PDB file of N, CA and C in Angstrom:
ATOM      1  N   PHE A   1      -0.705  -0.240  12.677  1.00  0.00           N
ATOM      2  CA  PHE A   1      -0.627   0.206  11.279  1.00  0.00           C
ATOM      3  C   PHE A   1      -0.471  -0.962  10.301  1.00  0.00           C
ATOM      4  N   PRO A   2       0.452  -1.912  10.559  1.00  0.00           N
ATOM      5  CA  PRO A   2       0.573  -3.024   9.611  1.00  0.00           C
ATOM      6  C   PRO A   2      -0.710  -3.857   9.499  1.00  0.00           C
ATOM      7  N   THR A   3      -1.428  -4.002  10.599  1.00  0.00           N
ATOM      8  CA  THR A   3      -2.689  -4.755  10.568  1.00  0.00           C
ATOM      9  C   THR A   3      -3.720  -4.034   9.707  1.00  0.00           C
ATOM     10  N   LYS A   4      -3.830  -2.716   9.885  1.00  0.00           N
ATOM     11  CA  LYS A   4      -4.757  -1.917   9.065  1.00  0.00           C
ATOM     12  C   LYS A   4      -4.374  -1.971   7.594  1.00  0.00           C
ATOM     13  N   LEU A   5      -3.075  -1.928   7.340  1.00  0.00           N
ATOM     14  CA  LEU A   5      -2.579  -1.965   5.966  1.00  0.00           C
ATOM     15  C   LEU A   5      -2.953  -3.286   5.298  1.00  0.00           C
ATOM     16  N   HIS A   6      -2.767  -4.379   6.017  1.00  0.00           N
ATOM     17  CA  HIS A   6      -3.104  -5.698   5.469  1.00  0.00           C
ATOM     18  C   HIS A   6      -4.611  -5.800   5.231  1.00  0.00           C
ATOM     19  N   LEU A   7      -5.415  -5.305   6.177  1.00  0.00           N
ATOM     20  CA  LEU A   7      -6.867  -5.295   6.033  1.00  0.00           C
ATOM     21  C   LEU A   7      -7.277  -4.469   4.815  1.00  0.00           C
ATOM     22  N   MET A   8      -6.662  -3.298   4.658  1.00  0.00           N
ATOM     23  CA  MET A   8      -6.968  -2.433   3.526  1.00  0.00           C
ATOM     24  C   MET A   8      -6.688  -3.148   2.202  1.00  0.00           C
ATOM     25  N   LEU A   9      -5.555  -3.801   2.102  1.00  0.00           N
ATOM     26  CA  LEU A   9      -5.208  -4.500   0.858  1.00  0.00           C
ATOM     27  C   LEU A   9      -6.176  -5.644   0.577  1.00  0.00           C
ATOM     28  N   SER A  10      -6.637  -6.322   1.621  1.00  0.00           N
ATOM     29  CA  SER A  10      -7.615  -7.406   1.451  1.00  0.00           C
ATOM     30  C   SER A  10      -8.960  -6.861   0.991  1.00  0.00           C
ATOM     31  N   LYS A  11      -9.424  -5.794   1.629  1.00  0.00           N
ATOM     32  CA  LYS A  11     -10.720  -5.201   1.276  1.00  0.00           C
ATOM     33  C   LYS A  11     -10.704  -4.627  -0.141  1.00  0.00           C
ATOM     34  N   VAL A  12      -9.630  -3.974  -0.491  1.00  0.00           N
ATOM     35  CA  VAL A  12      -9.503  -3.395  -1.834  1.00  0.00           C
ATOM     36  C   VAL A  12      -9.584  -4.502  -2.885  1.00  0.00           C
ATOM     37  N   GLU A  13      -8.952  -5.620  -2.598  1.00  0.00           N
ATOM     38  CA  GLU A  13      -8.987  -6.757  -3.526  1.00  0.00           C
ATOM     39  C   GLU A  13     -10.415  -7.297  -3.642  1.00  0.00           C
ATOM     40  N   GLU A  14     -11.116  -7.426  -2.500  1.00  0.00           N
ATOM     41  CA  GLU A  14     -12.503  -7.914  -2.498  1.00  0.00           C
ATOM     42  C   GLU A  14     -13.429  -6.987  -3.276  1.00  0.00           C
ATOM     43  N   GLU A  15     -13.199  -5.691  -3.156  1.00  0.00           N
ATOM     44  CA  GLU A  15     -14.079  -4.701  -3.773  1.00  0.00           C
ATOM     45  C   GLU A  15     -13.699  -4.375  -5.219  1.00  0.00           C
ATOM     46  N   GLY A  16     -12.655  -5.016  -5.734  1.00  0.00           N
ATOM     47  CA  GLY A  16     -12.266  -4.815  -7.120  1.00  0.00           C
ATOM     48  C   GLY A  16     -11.597  -3.485  -7.398  1.00  0.00           C
ATOM     49  N   LEU A  17     -10.910  -2.933  -6.410  1.00  0.00           N
ATOM     50  CA  LEU A  17     -10.220  -1.655  -6.594  1.00  0.00           C
ATOM     51  C   LEU A  17      -8.713  -1.858  -6.798  1.00  0.00           C
ATOM     52  N   ASN A  18      -8.348  -2.995  -7.339  1.00  0.00           N
ATOM     53  CA  ASN A  18      -6.936  -3.321  -7.561  1.00  0.00           C
ATOM     54  C   ASN A  18      -6.236  -2.370  -8.520  1.00  0.00           C
ATOM     55  N   ASP A  19      -7.001  -1.608  -9.291  1.00  0.00           N
ATOM     56  CA  ASP A  19      -6.380  -0.660 -10.208  1.00  0.00           C
ATOM     57  C   ASP A  19      -5.828   0.552  -9.455  1.00  0.00           C
ATOM     58  N   ILE A  20      -6.225   0.738  -8.179  1.00  0.00           N
ATOM     59  CA  ILE A  20      -5.746   1.861  -7.377  1.00  0.00           C
ATOM     60  C   ILE A  20      -4.556   1.450  -6.521  1.00  0.00           C
ATOM     61  N   VAL A  21      -4.696   0.359  -5.805  1.00  0.00           N
ATOM     62  CA  VAL A  21      -3.606  -0.171  -4.965  1.00  0.00           C
ATOM     63  C   VAL A  21      -3.779  -1.684  -4.917  1.00  0.00           C
ATOM     64  N   SER A  22      -2.674  -2.422  -4.967  1.00  0.00           N
ATOM     65  CA  SER A  22      -2.799  -3.881  -4.948  1.00  0.00           C
ATOM     66  C   SER A  22      -1.490  -4.545  -4.543  1.00  0.00           C
ATOM     67  N   TRP A  23      -1.658  -5.796  -4.125  1.00  0.00           N
ATOM     68  CA  TRP A  23      -0.491  -6.649  -3.936  1.00  0.00           C
ATOM     69  C   TRP A  23       0.098  -6.922  -5.311  1.00  0.00           C
ATOM     70  N   GLN A  24       1.387  -7.130  -5.380  1.00  0.00           N
ATOM     71  CA  GLN A  24       1.979  -7.640  -6.602  1.00  0.00           C
ATOM     72  C   GLN A  24       1.661  -9.136  -6.654  1.00  0.00           C
ATOM     73  N   PRO A  25       1.682  -9.752  -7.828  1.00  0.00           N
ATOM     74  CA  PRO A  25       1.266 -11.156  -7.955  1.00  0.00           C
ATOM     75  C   PRO A  25       1.978 -12.130  -7.014  1.00  0.00           C
ATOM     76  N   HIS A  26       3.238 -11.887  -6.697  1.00  0.00           N
ATOM     77  CA  HIS A  26       3.978 -12.801  -5.826  1.00  0.00           C
ATOM     78  C   HIS A  26       3.631 -12.612  -4.353  1.00  0.00           C
ATOM     79  N   GLY A  27       2.933 -11.512  -3.992  1.00  0.00           N
ATOM     80  CA  GLY A  27       2.473 -11.312  -2.631  1.00  0.00           C
ATOM     81  C   GLY A  27       3.507 -10.822  -1.637  1.00  0.00           C
ATOM     82  N   ARG A  28       4.656 -10.368  -2.110  1.00  0.00           N
ATOM     83  CA  ARG A  28       5.708  -9.908  -1.190  1.00  0.00           C
ATOM     84  C   ARG A  28       5.803  -8.385  -1.090  1.00  0.00           C
ATOM     85  N   CYS A  29       5.067  -7.674  -1.928  1.00  0.00           N
ATOM     86  CA  CYS A  29       5.042  -6.215  -1.849  1.00  0.00           C
ATOM     87  C   CYS A  29       3.722  -5.712  -2.415  1.00  0.00           C
ATOM     88  N   PHE A  30       3.442  -4.444  -2.156  1.00  0.00           N
ATOM     89  CA  PHE A  30       2.233  -3.848  -2.723  1.00  0.00           C
ATOM     90  C   PHE A  30       2.611  -2.562  -3.435  1.00  0.00           C
ATOM     91  N   LEU A  31       1.712  -2.119  -4.305  1.00  0.00           N
ATOM     92  CA  LEU A  31       1.990  -0.978  -5.160  1.00  0.00           C
ATOM     93  C   LEU A  31       0.768  -0.066  -5.221  1.00  0.00           C
ATOM     94  N   VAL A  32       0.985   1.234  -5.055  1.00  0.00           N
ATOM     95  CA  VAL A  32      -0.078   2.230  -5.231  1.00  0.00           C
ATOM     96  C   VAL A  32      -0.020   2.659  -6.694  1.00  0.00           C
ATOM     97  N   HIS A  33      -1.021   2.247  -7.479  1.00  0.00           N
ATOM     98  CA  HIS A  33      -1.034   2.522  -8.914  1.00  0.00           C
ATOM     99  C   HIS A  33      -1.518   3.942  -9.223  1.00  0.00           C
ATOM    100  N   LYS A  34      -2.522   4.398  -8.474  1.00  0.00           N
ATOM    101  CA  LYS A  34      -3.124   5.716  -8.713  1.00  0.00           C
ATOM    102  C   LYS A  34      -3.117   6.498  -7.404  1.00  0.00           C
ATOM    103  N   PRO A  35      -2.050   7.253  -7.144  1.00  0.00           N
ATOM    104  CA  PRO A  35      -1.909   7.956  -5.860  1.00  0.00           C
ATOM    105  C   PRO A  35      -3.074   8.888  -5.517  1.00  0.00           C
ATOM    106  N   LYS A  36      -3.587   9.648  -6.481  1.00  0.00           N
ATOM    107  CA  LYS A  36      -4.672  10.590  -6.177  1.00  0.00           C
ATOM    108  C   LYS A  36      -5.929   9.856  -5.715  1.00  0.00           C
ATOM    109  N   GLU A  37      -6.320   8.820  -6.437  1.00  0.00           N
ATOM    110  CA  GLU A  37      -7.498   8.045  -6.061  1.00  0.00           C
ATOM    111  C   GLU A  37      -7.268   7.332  -4.725  1.00  0.00           C
ATOM    112  N   PHE A  38      -6.045   6.878  -4.488  1.00  0.00           N
ATOM    113  CA  PHE A  38      -5.713   6.225  -3.222  1.00  0.00           C
ATOM    114  C   PHE A  38      -5.947   7.175  -2.057  1.00  0.00           C
ATOM    115  N   VAL A  39      -5.460   8.404  -2.188  1.00  0.00           N
ATOM    116  CA  VAL A  39      -5.610   9.409  -1.126  1.00  0.00           C
ATOM    117  C   VAL A  39      -7.078   9.800  -0.951  1.00  0.00           C
ATOM    118  N   ASP A  40      -7.800   9.982  -2.051  1.00  0.00           N
ATOM    119  CA  ASP A  40      -9.186  10.459  -1.982  1.00  0.00           C
ATOM    120  C   ASP A  40     -10.192   9.387  -1.578  1.00  0.00           C
ATOM    121  N   GLU A  41     -10.010   8.164  -2.064  1.00  0.00           N
ATOM    122  CA  GLU A  41     -11.031   7.136  -1.897  1.00  0.00           C
ATOM    123  C   GLU A  41     -10.705   6.088  -0.834  1.00  0.00           C
ATOM    124  N   ILE A  42      -9.454   5.711  -0.708  1.00  0.00           N
ATOM    125  CA  ILE A  42      -9.114   4.567   0.143  1.00  0.00           C
ATOM    126  C   ILE A  42      -8.521   4.974   1.487  1.00  0.00           C
ATOM    127  N   MET A  43      -7.604   5.903   1.489  1.00  0.00           N
ATOM    128  CA  MET A  43      -6.953   6.291   2.755  1.00  0.00           C
ATOM    129  C   MET A  43      -7.932   6.745   3.836  1.00  0.00           C
ATOM    130  N   PRO A  44      -8.929   7.597   3.535  1.00  0.00           N
ATOM    131  CA  PRO A  44      -9.821   8.059   4.610  1.00  0.00           C
ATOM    132  C   PRO A  44     -10.579   6.927   5.303  1.00  0.00           C
ATOM    133  N   THR A  45     -10.828   5.842   4.595  1.00  0.00           N
ATOM    134  CA  THR A  45     -11.562   4.718   5.161  1.00  0.00           C
ATOM    135  C   THR A  45     -10.726   3.928   6.173  1.00  0.00           C
ATOM    136  N   PHE A  46      -9.424   3.851   5.956  1.00  0.00           N
ATOM    137  CA  PHE A  46      -8.584   2.976   6.768  1.00  0.00           C
ATOM    138  C   PHE A  46      -7.566   3.689   7.654  1.00  0.00           C
ATOM    139  N   PHE A  47      -7.190   4.912   7.302  1.00  0.00           N
ATOM    140  CA  PHE A  47      -6.111   5.595   8.021  1.00  0.00           C
ATOM    141  C   PHE A  47      -6.511   7.020   8.383  1.00  0.00           C
ATOM    142  N   ARG A  48      -5.843   7.562   9.395  1.00  0.00           N
ATOM    143  CA  ARG A  48      -6.112   8.942   9.793  1.00  0.00           C
ATOM    144  C   ARG A  48      -5.363   9.945   8.921  1.00  0.00           C
ATOM    145  N   GLN A  49      -4.355   9.489   8.204  1.00  0.00           N
ATOM    146  CA  GLN A  49      -3.599  10.406   7.347  1.00  0.00           C
ATOM    147  C   GLN A  49      -4.468  10.883   6.185  1.00  0.00           C
ATOM    148  N   SER A  50      -4.181  12.093   5.739  1.00  0.00           N
ATOM    149  CA  SER A  50      -4.910  12.610   4.580  1.00  0.00           C
ATOM    150  C   SER A  50      -3.954  12.980   3.445  1.00  0.00           C
ATOM    151  N   LYS A  51      -2.672  12.713   3.642  1.00  0.00           N
ATOM    152  CA  LYS A  51      -1.671  13.014   2.612  1.00  0.00           C
ATOM    153  C   LYS A  51      -0.834  11.774   2.335  1.00  0.00           C
ATOM    154  N   LEU A  52      -0.484  11.596   1.080  1.00  0.00           N
ATOM    155  CA  LEU A  52       0.320  10.443   0.693  1.00  0.00           C
ATOM    156  C   LEU A  52       1.679  10.468   1.391  1.00  0.00           C
ATOM    157  N   THR A  53       2.251  11.654   1.560  1.00  0.00           N
ATOM    158  CA  THR A  53       3.564  11.738   2.212  1.00  0.00           C
ATOM    159  C   THR A  53       3.497  11.255   3.666  1.00  0.00           C
ATOM    160  N   SER A  54       2.388  11.515   4.343  1.00  0.00           N
ATOM    161  CA  SER A  54       2.211  11.028   5.720  1.00  0.00           C
ATOM    162  C   SER A  54       2.122   9.509   5.741  1.00  0.00           C
ATOM    163  N   PHE A  55       1.412   8.952   4.760  1.00  0.00           N
ATOM    164  CA  PHE A  55       1.301   7.499   4.628  1.00  0.00           C
ATOM    165  C   PHE A  55       2.683   6.885   4.372  1.00  0.00           C
ATOM    166  N   GLN A  56       3.448   7.504   3.489  1.00  0.00           N
ATOM    167  CA  GLN A  56       4.793   7.013   3.175  1.00  0.00           C
ATOM    168  C   GLN A  56       5.706   7.102   4.401  1.00  0.00           C
ATOM    169  N   ARG A  57       5.574   8.170   5.167  1.00  0.00           N
ATOM    170  CA  ARG A  57       6.362   8.328   6.394  1.00  0.00           C
ATOM    171  C   ARG A  57       6.035   7.198   7.382  1.00  0.00           C
ATOM    172  N   GLN A  58       4.750   6.875   7.484  1.00  0.00           N
ATOM    173  CA  GLN A  58       4.312   5.790   8.370  1.00  0.00           C
ATOM    174  C   GLN A  58       4.918   4.458   7.909  1.00  0.00           C
ATOM    175  N   LEU A  59       4.919   4.222   6.597  1.00  0.00           N
ATOM    176  CA  LEU A  59       5.537   3.006   6.062  1.00  0.00           C
ATOM    177  C   LEU A  59       7.017   2.949   6.447  1.00  0.00           C
ATOM    178  N   ASN A  60       7.711   4.071   6.291  1.00  0.00           N
ATOM    179  CA  ASN A  60       9.134   4.123   6.646  1.00  0.00           C
ATOM    180  C   ASN A  60       9.347   3.859   8.129  1.00  0.00           C
ATOM    181  N   LEU A  61       8.468   4.400   8.958  1.00  0.00           N
ATOM    182  CA  LEU A  61       8.552   4.214  10.402  1.00  0.00           C
ATOM    183  C   LEU A  61       8.469   2.732  10.777  1.00  0.00           C
ATOM    184  N   TYR A  62       7.654   1.980  10.043  1.00  0.00           N
ATOM    185  CA  TYR A  62       7.494   0.551  10.307  1.00  0.00           C
ATOM    186  C   TYR A  62       8.485  -0.316   9.535  1.00  0.00           C
ATOM    187  N   GLY A  63       9.465   0.295   8.890  1.00  0.00           N
ATOM    188  CA  GLY A  63      10.536  -0.469   8.260  1.00  0.00           C
ATOM    189  C   GLY A  63      10.265  -0.933   6.846  1.00  0.00           C
ATOM    190  N   PHE A  64       9.255  -0.377   6.192  1.00  0.00           N
ATOM    191  CA  PHE A  64       9.001  -0.730   4.798  1.00  0.00           C
ATOM    192  C   PHE A  64      10.028  -0.026   3.919  1.00  0.00           C
ATOM    193  N   SER A  65      10.399  -0.676   2.837  1.00  0.00           N
ATOM    194  CA  SER A  65      11.340  -0.101   1.872  1.00  0.00           C
ATOM    195  C   SER A  65      10.618   0.115   0.558  1.00  0.00           C
ATOM    196  N   ARG A  66      10.962   1.188  -0.118  1.00  0.00           N
ATOM    197  CA  ARG A  66      10.417   1.433  -1.452  1.00  0.00           C
ATOM    198  C   ARG A  66      11.342   0.772  -2.465  1.00  0.00           C
ATOM    199  N   ILE A  67      10.768   0.020  -3.361  1.00  0.00           N
ATOM    200  CA  ILE A  67      11.552  -0.674  -4.385  1.00  0.00           C
ATOM    201  C   ILE A  67      11.816   0.309  -5.516  1.00  0.00           C
ATOM    202  N   THR A  68      13.086   0.470  -5.868  1.00  0.00           N
ATOM    203  CA  THR A  68      13.455   1.494  -6.844  1.00  0.00           C
ATOM    204  C   THR A  68      13.888   0.939  -8.204  1.00  0.00           C
ATOM    205  N   ALA A  69      13.953  -0.380  -8.325  1.00  0.00           N
ATOM    206  CA  ALA A  69      14.386  -0.959  -9.600  1.00  0.00           C
ATOM    207  C   ALA A  69      13.660  -2.272  -9.840  1.00  0.00           C
ATOM    208  N   GLY A  70      13.632  -2.678 -11.094  1.00  0.00           N
ATOM    209  CA  GLY A  70      13.058  -3.978 -11.431  1.00  0.00           C
ATOM    210  C   GLY A  70      11.571  -3.931 -11.689  1.00  0.00           C
ATOM    211  N   ARG A  71      10.999  -5.105 -11.749  1.00  0.00           N
ATOM    212  CA  ARG A  71       9.592  -5.265 -12.097  1.00  0.00           C
ATOM    213  C   ARG A  71       8.647  -4.636 -11.070  1.00  0.00           C
ATOM    214  N   ASP A  72       9.055  -4.621  -9.801  1.00  0.00           N
ATOM    215  CA  ASP A  72       8.205  -4.111  -8.725  1.00  0.00           C
ATOM    216  C   ASP A  72       8.501  -2.651  -8.379  1.00  0.00           C
ATOM    217  N   ARG A  73       9.173  -1.950  -9.264  1.00  0.00           N
ATOM    218  CA  ARG A  73       9.573  -0.558  -9.023  1.00  0.00           C
ATOM    219  C   ARG A  73       8.391   0.276  -8.547  1.00  0.00           C
ATOM    220  N   GLY A  74       8.589   1.031  -7.465  1.00  0.00           N
ATOM    221  CA  GLY A  74       7.535   1.864  -6.902  1.00  0.00           C
ATOM    222  C   GLY A  74       6.728   1.175  -5.818  1.00  0.00           C
ATOM    223  N   GLY A  75       6.944  -0.119  -5.642  1.00  0.00           N
ATOM    224  CA  GLY A  75       6.217  -0.879  -4.625  1.00  0.00           C
ATOM    225  C   GLY A  75       6.857  -0.720  -3.256  1.00  0.00           C
ATOM    226  N   TYR A  76       6.128  -1.153  -2.235  1.00  0.00           N
ATOM    227  CA  TYR A  76       6.626  -1.110  -0.856  1.00  0.00           C
ATOM    228  C   TYR A  76       6.770  -2.532  -0.343  1.00  0.00           C
ATOM    229  N   TYR A  77       7.897  -2.774   0.330  1.00  0.00           N
ATOM    230  CA  TYR A  77       8.250  -4.129   0.743  1.00  0.00           C
ATOM    231  C   TYR A  77       8.692  -4.141   2.204  1.00  0.00           C
ATOM    232  N   HIS A  78       8.297  -5.185   2.914  1.00  0.00           N
ATOM    233  CA  HIS A  78       8.826  -5.490   4.241  1.00  0.00           C
ATOM    234  C   HIS A  78       8.923  -6.998   4.309  1.00  0.00           C
ATOM    235  N   GLU A  79      10.032  -7.516   4.802  1.00  0.00           N
ATOM    236  CA  GLU A  79      10.249  -8.962   4.756  1.00  0.00           C
ATOM    237  C   GLU A  79       9.196  -9.765   5.514  1.00  0.00           C
ATOM    238  N   LEU A  80       8.552  -9.174   6.512  1.00  0.00           N
ATOM    239  CA  LEU A  80       7.539  -9.893   7.287  1.00  0.00           C
ATOM    240  C   LEU A  80       6.101  -9.571   6.859  1.00  0.00           C
ATOM    241  N   PHE A  81       5.937  -8.678   5.909  1.00  0.00           N
ATOM    242  CA  PHE A  81       4.606  -8.267   5.456  1.00  0.00           C
ATOM    243  C   PHE A  81       4.299  -8.981   4.154  1.00  0.00           C
ATOM    244  N   LEU A  82       3.513 -10.058   4.241  1.00  0.00           N
ATOM    245  CA  LEU A  82       3.235 -10.898   3.082  1.00  0.00           C
ATOM    246  C   LEU A  82       1.738 -11.086   2.905  1.00  0.00           C
ATOM    247  N   ARG A  83       1.331 -11.363   1.686  1.00  0.00           N
ATOM    248  CA  ARG A  83      -0.079 -11.613   1.402  1.00  0.00           C
ATOM    249  C   ARG A  83      -0.481 -12.814   2.159  1.00  0.00           C
TER     250      ARG A  83
END
């Protein structure tokens, strides 16, 4: 899952879809900007999940934390998952 996630973030950046999901500028977390478009356009290409809640559960399973305050609010972070 983490490998697919990293690949997805790289491909999205290459294809110019950063308005839907992207790394934050510092590269230590990523943020889903448009959840509906993320579920409809990006998730089916990279993951078997079809619901955002399933994706979030998978992130939690792998130890990702949701950032709840500050500039990166709403982003997902894992200390070993870096750009």
